[in-house]
Protein backbone atom coordinates (compact mmCIF):
# COMPACT_ATOMS: atom_id res chain seq x y z
CA MET A 1 -39.28 -8.90 -0.92
CA ASP A 2 -39.69 -5.73 1.22
CA ASP A 3 -37.96 -2.45 0.49
CA ASP A 4 -35.52 -2.90 3.44
CA SER A 5 -34.14 -6.24 2.19
CA ALA A 6 -33.83 -4.84 -1.32
CA ASP A 7 -31.76 -1.95 0.15
CA ASP A 8 -29.61 -4.40 2.17
CA SER A 9 -28.88 -6.55 -0.81
CA PHE A 10 -28.11 -3.55 -2.97
CA GLU A 11 -25.74 -2.10 -0.30
CA GLY A 12 -24.04 -5.54 0.00
CA LEU A 13 -23.60 -5.75 -3.84
CA ILE A 14 -22.18 -2.22 -3.99
CA SER A 15 -19.77 -3.11 -1.11
CA GLU A 16 -18.65 -6.27 -2.81
CA LEU A 17 -18.06 -4.45 -6.19
CA ALA A 18 -16.08 -1.73 -4.34
CA LYS A 19 -13.81 -4.41 -2.82
CA GLU A 20 -13.33 -6.09 -6.14
CA GLU A 21 -12.57 -2.84 -7.94
CA ALA A 22 -10.01 -1.86 -5.24
CA SER A 23 -8.05 -5.07 -5.85
CA ILE A 24 -8.02 -4.83 -9.70
CA ASN A 25 -4.66 -3.66 -11.09
CA ARG A 26 -3.14 -3.21 -7.67
CA HIS A 27 0.31 -4.53 -7.13
CA PRO A 28 0.36 -7.45 -4.59
CA PHE A 29 2.30 -5.20 -2.26
CA GLU A 30 -0.63 -2.77 -2.04
CA GLN A 31 -3.07 -5.58 -1.61
CA ASP A 32 -1.02 -6.91 1.32
CA LEU A 33 -0.59 -3.38 2.74
CA ALA A 34 -4.37 -3.01 2.67
CA GLY A 35 -4.56 -5.75 5.18
CA LEU A 36 -2.75 -3.62 7.74
CA ALA A 37 -5.15 -0.72 7.49
CA PRO A 38 -7.80 -1.74 9.99
CA GLU A 39 -5.30 -2.20 12.89
CA LEU A 40 -3.15 0.80 11.92
CA ALA A 41 -5.81 3.41 11.16
CA SER A 42 -5.34 6.63 12.97
CA ASP A 43 -1.82 5.72 14.07
CA PRO A 44 0.24 8.69 12.98
CA ASP A 45 3.65 7.28 14.07
CA PHE A 46 3.19 4.25 11.87
CA THR A 47 1.86 6.07 8.86
CA ARG A 48 4.69 8.66 9.01
CA GLY A 49 7.14 5.74 9.15
CA LEU A 50 5.30 3.95 6.30
CA TYR A 51 5.46 6.99 4.08
CA ALA A 52 9.21 7.30 4.73
CA ALA A 53 9.67 3.59 3.95
CA LEU A 54 7.80 3.75 0.74
CA CYS A 55 10.02 6.49 -0.61
CA ASN A 56 13.25 5.72 -2.51
CA THR A 57 12.77 2.05 -1.68
CA PHE A 58 11.92 -1.09 -3.60
CA TRP A 59 9.75 -3.67 -1.84
CA LEU A 60 10.55 -7.21 -2.89
CA ARG A 61 8.85 -10.58 -2.04
CA LYS A 62 11.09 -12.41 0.39
CA ASP A 63 10.56 -15.75 -1.37
CA LYS A 64 11.45 -14.47 -4.89
CA THR A 65 14.72 -13.67 -6.72
CA TYR A 66 14.92 -10.35 -8.57
CA GLN A 67 17.07 -9.17 -11.39
CA GLU A 68 17.51 -5.76 -13.02
CA SER A 69 15.44 -5.24 -16.18
CA GLU A 70 17.42 -5.25 -19.41
CA GLY A 71 17.99 -1.62 -20.40
CA ASN A 72 16.56 -0.17 -17.13
CA LYS A 73 18.30 -0.66 -13.87
CA GLN A 74 15.50 1.15 -12.03
CA ILE A 75 13.18 -1.89 -12.62
CA LEU A 76 13.64 -5.15 -10.78
CA ILE A 77 11.73 -8.16 -11.98
CA ASN A 78 11.37 -11.61 -10.36
CA GLU A 79 11.19 -14.98 -12.00
CA ASP A 80 7.37 -14.67 -12.34
CA GLY A 81 7.75 -11.45 -14.33
CA GLU A 82 6.41 -9.29 -11.47
CA GLU A 83 8.19 -5.98 -10.87
CA ALA A 84 9.42 -5.04 -7.46
CA TYR A 85 7.25 -2.41 -5.83
CA GLY A 86 8.55 1.13 -5.90
CA ILE A 87 6.48 4.31 -6.15
CA SER A 88 6.84 8.12 -6.23
CA TRP A 89 6.85 10.26 -3.05
CA ARG A 90 3.43 11.59 -3.92
CA ARG A 91 1.82 8.11 -4.29
CA ALA A 92 3.58 7.04 -0.96
CA GLY A 93 1.94 10.08 0.78
CA GLY A 94 -1.44 9.06 -0.62
CA LEU A 95 -1.09 5.44 0.51
CA ALA A 96 -0.05 6.61 4.08
CA SER A 97 -3.05 9.01 4.16
CA ASP A 98 -5.39 6.22 2.99
CA ILE A 99 -4.29 3.92 5.82
CA PHE A 100 -4.44 6.67 8.41
CA HIS A 101 -7.96 7.49 7.37
CA TYR A 102 -9.08 3.96 6.83
CA GLY A 103 -12.80 3.56 7.56
CA GLN A 104 -13.46 7.27 7.77
CA VAL A 105 -15.91 8.98 5.45
CA ARG A 106 -14.07 11.65 3.56
CA SER A 107 -13.55 12.91 0.04
CA GLY A 108 -10.32 11.88 -1.55
CA ARG A 109 -6.93 11.36 0.07
CA ASN A 110 -4.52 14.07 0.93
CA TYR A 111 -0.96 13.03 -0.01
CA LEU A 112 0.22 16.46 1.29
CA GLU A 113 -0.29 15.20 4.93
CA TYR A 114 2.98 13.26 4.37
CA TYR A 115 4.68 14.46 1.19
CA CYS A 116 8.22 15.71 1.88
CA SER A 117 7.66 15.35 5.63
CA GLY A 118 11.13 13.95 6.24
CA ASN A 119 13.14 10.66 6.50
CA GLU A 120 12.22 9.72 2.94
CA GLY A 121 13.94 6.32 2.20
CA HIS A 122 14.34 5.34 5.86
CA VAL A 123 12.79 2.02 6.77
CA GLY A 124 12.20 2.01 10.50
CA ASP A 125 12.02 -1.12 12.62
CA ARG A 126 8.24 -1.04 13.17
CA VAL A 127 7.42 -0.77 9.58
CA ALA A 128 10.10 -3.28 8.47
CA LYS A 129 8.65 -5.82 10.98
CA ALA A 130 5.12 -5.27 9.87
CA LEU A 131 5.98 -5.63 6.11
CA ASP A 132 8.32 -8.64 6.91
CA GLY A 133 5.35 -10.31 8.46
CA LEU A 134 3.52 -9.87 5.18
CA GLY A 135 6.44 -11.44 3.19
CA TRP A 136 8.18 -8.36 1.97
CA MET A 137 11.76 -6.92 2.27
CA SER A 138 13.19 -3.54 1.38
CA ARG A 139 16.02 -2.61 -0.97
CA SER A 140 17.22 0.99 -1.38
CA MET A 141 16.61 2.40 -4.84
């Protein structure tokens, strides 16, 4: 085995490990959302709309039934025990930034690109259609 093929196989292994690590402990909504990243990278209109739609909103699987958790009405759980997806504005800004900068080499994400930028809680048509296509629907918190 020459040095170049050893480097290629090592790079491939690191790439596979990074993909595996990225999917561990991620809510299925985030895993599905990651599938949009390649086509929506560098699209500021979509990522601004995505940020707004992630704030003050639960995202639920369209094919599941959800109930309020006993003792905590801010948690919705489906029949499989999976919680509805709802996150902080800061995390929403980070996810929007990650999608906008998908594939770019940079250090860390900058949630401040989106944080408190307006329209928080509004789910626009373009974002709703994209997420509906992935099997998700919104519900205001």
